[in-house]
Amino acid sequence: MPTSTANAISETPITMTELKAELENVRTRDAELNFRAQKTEEYLQQFTLLDKKEADELSKKIAALDIPRLKADHIVKLIDIFPTDPEEVKAVLQGTTVTVSKDNLKRIADLVAEFKK
């Protein structure tokens, strides 16, 4: 049985927008994407709501809210799902170990809503 010698150096969550940009880099490097990468790119074309600059700005603004226990992976999930009201934000974060107050849920929702096109 073959063993893998590849080890993960680090694990960092990225948004769908960042993944889309990485796939574009791979496309320019390799000229053609493999089947899975093509399917991923098709999915991202349909469901990515922000460009990279906007996603980065939204990420920084959510982090600047200084919400206790809200980590990078929570912020990535919020950017990808793009909830625009407090109940949607609550639903997105419900499957995680973070608890956010009603006031902070509203602050997040209002901030995300500002980026809605």
N, C-alpha and C. Protein backbone atom coordinates (compact mmCIF):
# COMPACT_ATOMS: atom_id res chain seq x y z
N MET A 1 0.85 -1.18 0.00
CA MET A 1 0.00 0.00 0.00
C MET A 1 0.89 1.24 0.00
N PRO A 2 0.72 2.14 -0.98
CA PRO A 2 1.56 3.33 -1.04
C PRO A 2 1.25 4.28 0.10
N THR A 3 2.29 4.91 0.58
CA THR A 3 2.10 5.91 1.63
C THR A 3 2.39 7.28 1.06
N SER A 4 1.69 8.25 1.56
CA SER A 4 1.88 9.61 1.10
C SER A 4 2.97 10.28 1.92
N THR A 5 3.87 10.95 1.24
CA THR A 5 4.93 11.66 1.94
C THR A 5 4.63 13.15 2.05
N ALA A 6 3.53 13.57 1.45
CA ALA A 6 3.16 14.98 1.50
C ALA A 6 2.58 15.32 2.87
N ASN A 7 3.10 16.34 3.47
CA ASN A 7 2.62 16.81 4.76
C ASN A 7 2.10 18.22 4.62
N ALA A 8 1.03 18.48 5.33
CA ALA A 8 0.49 19.84 5.32
C ALA A 8 1.41 20.73 6.14
N ILE A 9 1.80 21.83 5.56
CA ILE A 9 2.65 22.78 6.26
C ILE A 9 1.81 23.63 7.19
N SER A 10 0.68 24.09 6.67
CA SER A 10 -0.24 24.86 7.48
C SER A 10 -1.63 24.73 6.90
N GLU A 11 -2.60 25.08 7.69
CA GLU A 11 -3.98 25.02 7.24
C GLU A 11 -4.60 26.39 7.48
N THR A 12 -5.02 27.02 6.38
CA THR A 12 -5.61 28.35 6.46
C THR A 12 -6.90 28.36 5.67
N PRO A 13 -8.01 28.76 6.30
CA PRO A 13 -9.26 28.82 5.54
C PRO A 13 -9.21 29.94 4.50
N ILE A 14 -9.76 29.66 3.32
CA ILE A 14 -9.83 30.69 2.27
C ILE A 14 -11.27 30.78 1.78
N THR A 15 -11.62 31.95 1.29
CA THR A 15 -12.97 32.15 0.77
C THR A 15 -13.07 31.55 -0.63
N MET A 16 -14.29 31.42 -1.09
CA MET A 16 -14.50 30.94 -2.46
C MET A 16 -13.89 31.91 -3.45
N THR A 17 -13.90 33.19 -3.14
CA THR A 17 -13.30 34.19 -4.01
C THR A 17 -11.80 33.98 -4.14
N GLU A 18 -11.14 33.67 -3.02
CA GLU A 18 -9.70 33.40 -3.06
C GLU A 18 -9.40 32.13 -3.84
N LEU A 19 -10.25 31.11 -3.67
CA LEU A 19 -10.08 29.87 -4.42
C LEU A 19 -10.22 30.12 -5.92
N LYS A 20 -11.18 30.95 -6.27
CA LYS A 20 -11.39 31.30 -7.68
C LYS A 20 -10.13 31.96 -8.25
N ALA A 21 -9.52 32.85 -7.50
CA ALA A 21 -8.29 33.52 -7.94
C ALA A 21 -7.14 32.51 -8.07
N GLU A 22 -7.06 31.57 -7.14
CA GLU A 22 -6.02 30.54 -7.22
C GLU A 22 -6.20 29.66 -8.45
N LEU A 23 -7.45 29.32 -8.77
CA LEU A 23 -7.71 28.52 -9.97
C LEU A 23 -7.32 29.28 -11.23
N GLU A 24 -7.53 30.59 -11.22
CA GLU A 24 -7.10 31.41 -12.37
C GLU A 24 -5.59 31.39 -12.51
N ASN A 25 -4.88 31.41 -11.38
CA ASN A 25 -3.42 31.30 -11.41
C ASN A 25 -2.97 29.95 -11.97
N VAL A 26 -3.66 28.89 -11.56
CA VAL A 26 -3.33 27.55 -12.06
C VAL A 26 -3.60 27.47 -13.57
N ARG A 27 -4.69 28.07 -13.99
CA ARG A 27 -5.04 28.06 -15.41
C ARG A 27 -3.96 28.77 -16.24
N THR A 28 -3.46 29.89 -15.77
CA THR A 28 -2.42 30.60 -16.52
C THR A 28 -1.09 29.83 -16.50
N ARG A 29 -0.83 29.14 -15.41
CA ARG A 29 0.40 28.36 -15.29
C ARG A 29 0.35 27.09 -16.16
N ASP A 30 -0.78 26.36 -16.09
CA ASP A 30 -0.89 25.05 -16.75
C ASP A 30 -1.62 25.10 -18.08
N ALA A 31 -2.21 26.21 -18.43
CA ALA A 31 -2.99 26.40 -19.66
C ALA A 31 -4.31 25.67 -19.65
N GLU A 32 -4.45 24.61 -18.87
CA GLU A 32 -5.71 23.86 -18.83
C GLU A 32 -5.90 23.28 -17.43
N LEU A 33 -7.16 23.30 -16.96
CA LEU A 33 -7.47 22.74 -15.65
C LEU A 33 -7.88 21.28 -15.80
N ASN A 34 -7.63 20.48 -14.76
CA ASN A 34 -8.11 19.10 -14.80
C ASN A 34 -9.62 19.08 -14.57
N PHE A 35 -10.23 17.92 -14.68
CA PHE A 35 -11.68 17.79 -14.60
C PHE A 35 -12.25 18.37 -13.31
N ARG A 36 -11.68 17.99 -12.17
CA ARG A 36 -12.20 18.46 -10.88
C ARG A 36 -12.05 19.98 -10.74
N ALA A 37 -10.93 20.49 -11.17
CA ALA A 37 -10.71 21.93 -11.09
C ALA A 37 -11.69 22.68 -11.99
N GLN A 38 -12.00 22.11 -13.15
CA GLN A 38 -12.99 22.73 -14.05
C GLN A 38 -14.36 22.76 -13.40
N LYS A 39 -14.75 21.65 -12.76
CA LYS A 39 -16.05 21.60 -12.07
C LYS A 39 -16.10 22.60 -10.91
N THR A 40 -15.00 22.70 -10.20
CA THR A 40 -14.92 23.65 -9.09
C THR A 40 -15.04 25.07 -9.62
N GLU A 41 -14.37 25.36 -10.72
CA GLU A 41 -14.43 26.69 -11.32
C GLU A 41 -15.86 27.02 -11.78
N GLU A 42 -16.55 26.05 -12.37
CA GLU A 42 -17.95 26.27 -12.78
C GLU A 42 -18.82 26.60 -11.58
N TYR A 43 -18.63 25.88 -10.49
CA TYR A 43 -19.39 26.13 -9.27
C TYR A 43 -19.11 27.54 -8.75
N LEU A 44 -17.84 27.90 -8.70
CA LEU A 44 -17.45 29.21 -8.19
C LEU A 44 -17.99 30.34 -9.07
N GLN A 45 -18.06 30.12 -10.38
CA GLN A 45 -18.62 31.13 -11.28
C GLN A 45 -20.08 31.43 -10.92
N GLN A 46 -20.81 30.39 -10.51
CA GLN A 46 -22.23 30.56 -10.18
C GLN A 46 -22.45 31.17 -8.81
N PHE A 47 -21.61 30.80 -7.83
CA PHE A 47 -21.94 31.12 -6.44
C PHE A 47 -21.03 32.13 -5.76
N THR A 48 -20.03 32.62 -6.42
CA THR A 48 -19.17 33.65 -5.83
C THR A 48 -19.83 35.00 -6.03
N LEU A 49 -20.11 35.69 -4.93
CA LEU A 49 -20.87 36.94 -5.00
C LEU A 49 -19.99 38.19 -5.02
N LEU A 50 -18.76 38.08 -4.54
CA LEU A 50 -17.88 39.24 -4.45
C LEU A 50 -16.61 38.99 -5.26
N ASP A 51 -15.96 40.08 -5.65
CA ASP A 51 -14.63 39.90 -6.24
C ASP A 51 -13.62 39.85 -5.09
N LYS A 52 -12.38 39.54 -5.39
CA LYS A 52 -11.36 39.34 -4.36
C LYS A 52 -11.16 40.58 -3.50
N LYS A 53 -11.12 41.74 -4.12
CA LYS A 53 -10.91 42.99 -3.38
C LYS A 53 -12.05 43.22 -2.37
N GLU A 54 -13.30 43.03 -2.82
CA GLU A 54 -14.45 43.21 -1.94
C GLU A 54 -14.45 42.19 -0.80
N ALA A 55 -14.13 40.95 -1.12
CA ALA A 55 -14.10 39.90 -0.09
C ALA A 55 -13.03 40.20 0.96
N ASP A 56 -11.87 40.66 0.52
CA ASP A 56 -10.80 41.02 1.46
C ASP A 56 -11.23 42.18 2.36
N GLU A 57 -11.88 43.17 1.75
CA GLU A 57 -12.35 44.32 2.52
C GLU A 57 -13.41 43.91 3.54
N LEU A 58 -14.35 43.06 3.13
CA LEU A 58 -15.38 42.59 4.05
C LEU A 58 -14.76 41.78 5.18
N SER A 59 -13.80 40.96 4.86
CA SER A 59 -13.12 40.16 5.88
C SER A 59 -12.47 41.06 6.93
N LYS A 60 -11.77 42.08 6.48
CA LYS A 60 -11.11 43.01 7.39
C LYS A 60 -12.13 43.75 8.27
N LYS A 61 -13.25 44.14 7.65
CA LYS A 61 -14.27 44.87 8.41
C LYS A 61 -14.95 43.98 9.45
N ILE A 62 -15.21 42.72 9.10
CA ILE A 62 -15.81 41.80 10.08
C ILE A 62 -14.83 41.56 11.23
N ALA A 63 -13.56 41.36 10.90
CA ALA A 63 -12.54 41.16 11.94
C ALA A 63 -12.43 42.40 12.83
N ALA A 64 -12.60 43.58 12.25
CA ALA A 64 -12.49 44.84 13.00
C ALA A 64 -13.64 45.03 13.99
N LEU A 65 -14.72 44.28 13.83
CA LEU A 65 -15.83 44.38 14.77
C LEU A 65 -15.44 43.85 16.15
N ASP A 66 -14.33 43.10 16.24
CA ASP A 66 -13.84 42.55 17.50
C ASP A 66 -14.89 41.76 18.26
N ILE A 67 -15.52 40.82 17.56
CA ILE A 67 -16.52 39.97 18.18
C ILE A 67 -15.79 38.83 18.89
N PRO A 68 -16.06 38.63 20.18
CA PRO A 68 -15.36 37.60 20.94
C PRO A 68 -15.50 36.21 20.31
N ARG A 69 -14.39 35.48 20.24
CA ARG A 69 -14.31 34.10 19.77
C ARG A 69 -14.62 33.91 18.29
N LEU A 70 -14.83 34.98 17.53
CA LEU A 70 -15.06 34.87 16.10
C LEU A 70 -13.71 34.73 15.40
N LYS A 71 -13.48 33.58 14.78
CA LYS A 71 -12.18 33.27 14.18
C LYS A 71 -12.23 33.39 12.67
N ALA A 72 -11.08 33.21 12.03
CA ALA A 72 -10.95 33.34 10.57
C ALA A 72 -11.87 32.38 9.84
N ASP A 73 -12.00 31.14 10.33
CA ASP A 73 -12.86 30.19 9.62
C ASP A 73 -14.33 30.60 9.69
N HIS A 74 -14.75 31.26 10.77
CA HIS A 74 -16.12 31.78 10.86
C HIS A 74 -16.32 32.92 9.86
N ILE A 75 -15.32 33.79 9.76
CA ILE A 75 -15.40 34.93 8.84
C ILE A 75 -15.47 34.45 7.40
N VAL A 76 -14.67 33.43 7.06
CA VAL A 76 -14.69 32.86 5.71
C VAL A 76 -16.07 32.31 5.39
N LYS A 77 -16.65 31.60 6.35
CA LYS A 77 -17.98 31.04 6.14
C LYS A 77 -19.02 32.13 5.93
N LEU A 78 -18.92 33.22 6.70
CA LEU A 78 -19.85 34.33 6.56
C LEU A 78 -19.72 34.99 5.18
N ILE A 79 -18.50 35.14 4.70
CA ILE A 79 -18.29 35.76 3.38
C ILE A 79 -18.82 34.86 2.27
N ASP A 80 -18.60 33.55 2.39
CA ASP A 80 -19.05 32.61 1.36
C ASP A 80 -20.57 32.50 1.30
N ILE A 81 -21.21 32.47 2.45
CA ILE A 81 -22.68 32.28 2.49
C ILE A 81 -23.41 33.61 2.35
N PHE A 82 -22.79 34.69 2.79
CA PHE A 82 -23.30 36.05 2.60
C PHE A 82 -24.67 36.30 3.25
N PRO A 83 -24.80 36.05 4.56
CA PRO A 83 -26.08 36.30 5.23
C PRO A 83 -26.31 37.79 5.44
N THR A 84 -27.51 38.27 5.13
CA THR A 84 -27.77 39.71 5.21
C THR A 84 -28.78 40.10 6.29
N ASP A 85 -29.23 39.15 7.10
CA ASP A 85 -30.04 39.53 8.25
C ASP A 85 -29.58 38.70 9.46
N PRO A 86 -29.87 39.19 10.67
CA PRO A 86 -29.34 38.54 11.88
C PRO A 86 -29.71 37.06 12.01
N GLU A 87 -30.90 36.68 11.60
CA GLU A 87 -31.31 35.27 11.69
C GLU A 87 -30.47 34.40 10.76
N GLU A 88 -30.13 34.92 9.58
CA GLU A 88 -29.28 34.17 8.65
C GLU A 88 -27.87 34.03 9.23
N VAL A 89 -27.36 35.08 9.83
CA VAL A 89 -26.03 35.03 10.45
C VAL A 89 -26.03 33.98 11.56
N LYS A 90 -27.08 33.98 12.36
CA LYS A 90 -27.21 33.01 13.45
C LYS A 90 -27.23 31.59 12.89
N ALA A 91 -27.96 31.38 11.80
CA ALA A 91 -28.04 30.05 11.19
C ALA A 91 -26.67 29.60 10.67
N VAL A 92 -25.91 30.52 10.09
CA VAL A 92 -24.58 30.19 9.57
C VAL A 92 -23.66 29.78 10.71
N LEU A 93 -23.71 30.49 11.81
CA LEU A 93 -22.81 30.23 12.93
C LEU A 93 -23.31 29.15 13.88
N GLN A 94 -24.52 28.70 13.70
CA GLN A 94 -25.13 27.75 14.62
C GLN A 94 -24.37 26.42 14.70
N GLY A 95 -23.79 25.99 13.60
CA GLY A 95 -23.06 24.72 13.60
C GLY A 95 -21.66 24.81 14.14
N THR A 96 -21.27 25.96 14.65
CA THR A 96 -19.92 26.16 15.18
C THR A 96 -19.97 26.29 16.69
N THR A 97 -18.80 26.41 17.29
CA THR A 97 -18.73 26.52 18.76
C THR A 97 -18.78 27.95 19.26
N VAL A 98 -19.01 28.89 18.35
CA VAL A 98 -19.04 30.29 18.74
C VAL A 98 -20.48 30.74 19.03
N THR A 99 -20.64 31.52 20.09
CA THR A 99 -21.93 32.10 20.43
C THR A 99 -21.81 33.61 20.26
N VAL A 100 -22.74 34.18 19.50
CA VAL A 100 -22.67 35.61 19.20
C VAL A 100 -23.94 36.27 19.72
N SER A 101 -23.79 37.42 20.36
CA SER A 101 -24.94 38.14 20.91
C SER A 101 -25.83 38.67 19.79
N LYS A 102 -27.07 38.99 20.13
CA LYS A 102 -28.01 39.52 19.14
C LYS A 102 -27.50 40.81 18.53
N ASP A 103 -26.91 41.66 19.35
CA ASP A 103 -26.36 42.92 18.86
C ASP A 103 -25.25 42.67 17.83
N ASN A 104 -24.36 41.72 18.12
CA ASN A 104 -23.28 41.41 17.19
C ASN A 104 -23.79 40.72 15.93
N LEU A 105 -24.83 39.91 16.05
CA LEU A 105 -25.45 39.31 14.87
C LEU A 105 -25.95 40.39 13.93
N LYS A 106 -26.59 41.42 14.51
CA LYS A 106 -27.10 42.53 13.72
C LYS A 106 -25.96 43.32 13.08
N ARG A 107 -24.89 43.55 13.84
CA ARG A 107 -23.74 44.28 13.30
C ARG A 107 -23.13 43.55 12.10
N ILE A 108 -23.00 42.23 12.21
CA ILE A 108 -22.45 41.44 11.10
C ILE A 108 -23.38 41.51 9.90
N ALA A 109 -24.67 41.30 10.13
CA ALA A 109 -25.65 41.32 9.04
C ALA A 109 -25.67 42.67 8.33
N ASP A 110 -25.62 43.75 9.09
CA ASP A 110 -25.62 45.09 8.50
C ASP A 110 -24.37 45.32 7.65
N LEU A 111 -23.24 44.84 8.15
CA LEU A 111 -21.99 44.99 7.41
C LEU A 111 -22.01 44.19 6.11
N VAL A 112 -22.48 42.96 6.16
CA VAL A 112 -22.57 42.13 4.95
C VAL A 112 -23.55 42.74 3.96
N ALA A 113 -24.66 43.27 4.45
CA ALA A 113 -25.67 43.88 3.59
C ALA A 113 -25.12 45.08 2.83
N GLU A 114 -24.15 45.79 3.40
CA GLU A 114 -23.53 46.92 2.71
C GLU A 114 -22.83 46.48 1.41
N PHE A 115 -22.38 45.23 1.38
CA PHE A 115 -21.63 44.72 0.23
C PHE A 115 -22.54 44.07 -0.81
N LYS A 116 -23.83 43.97 -0.50
CA LYS A 116 -24.76 43.34 -1.44
C LYS A 116 -24.90 44.22 -2.69
N LYS A 117 -24.82 43.60 -3.85
CA LYS A 117 -24.89 44.35 -5.11
C LYS A 117 -26.32 44.52 -5.55
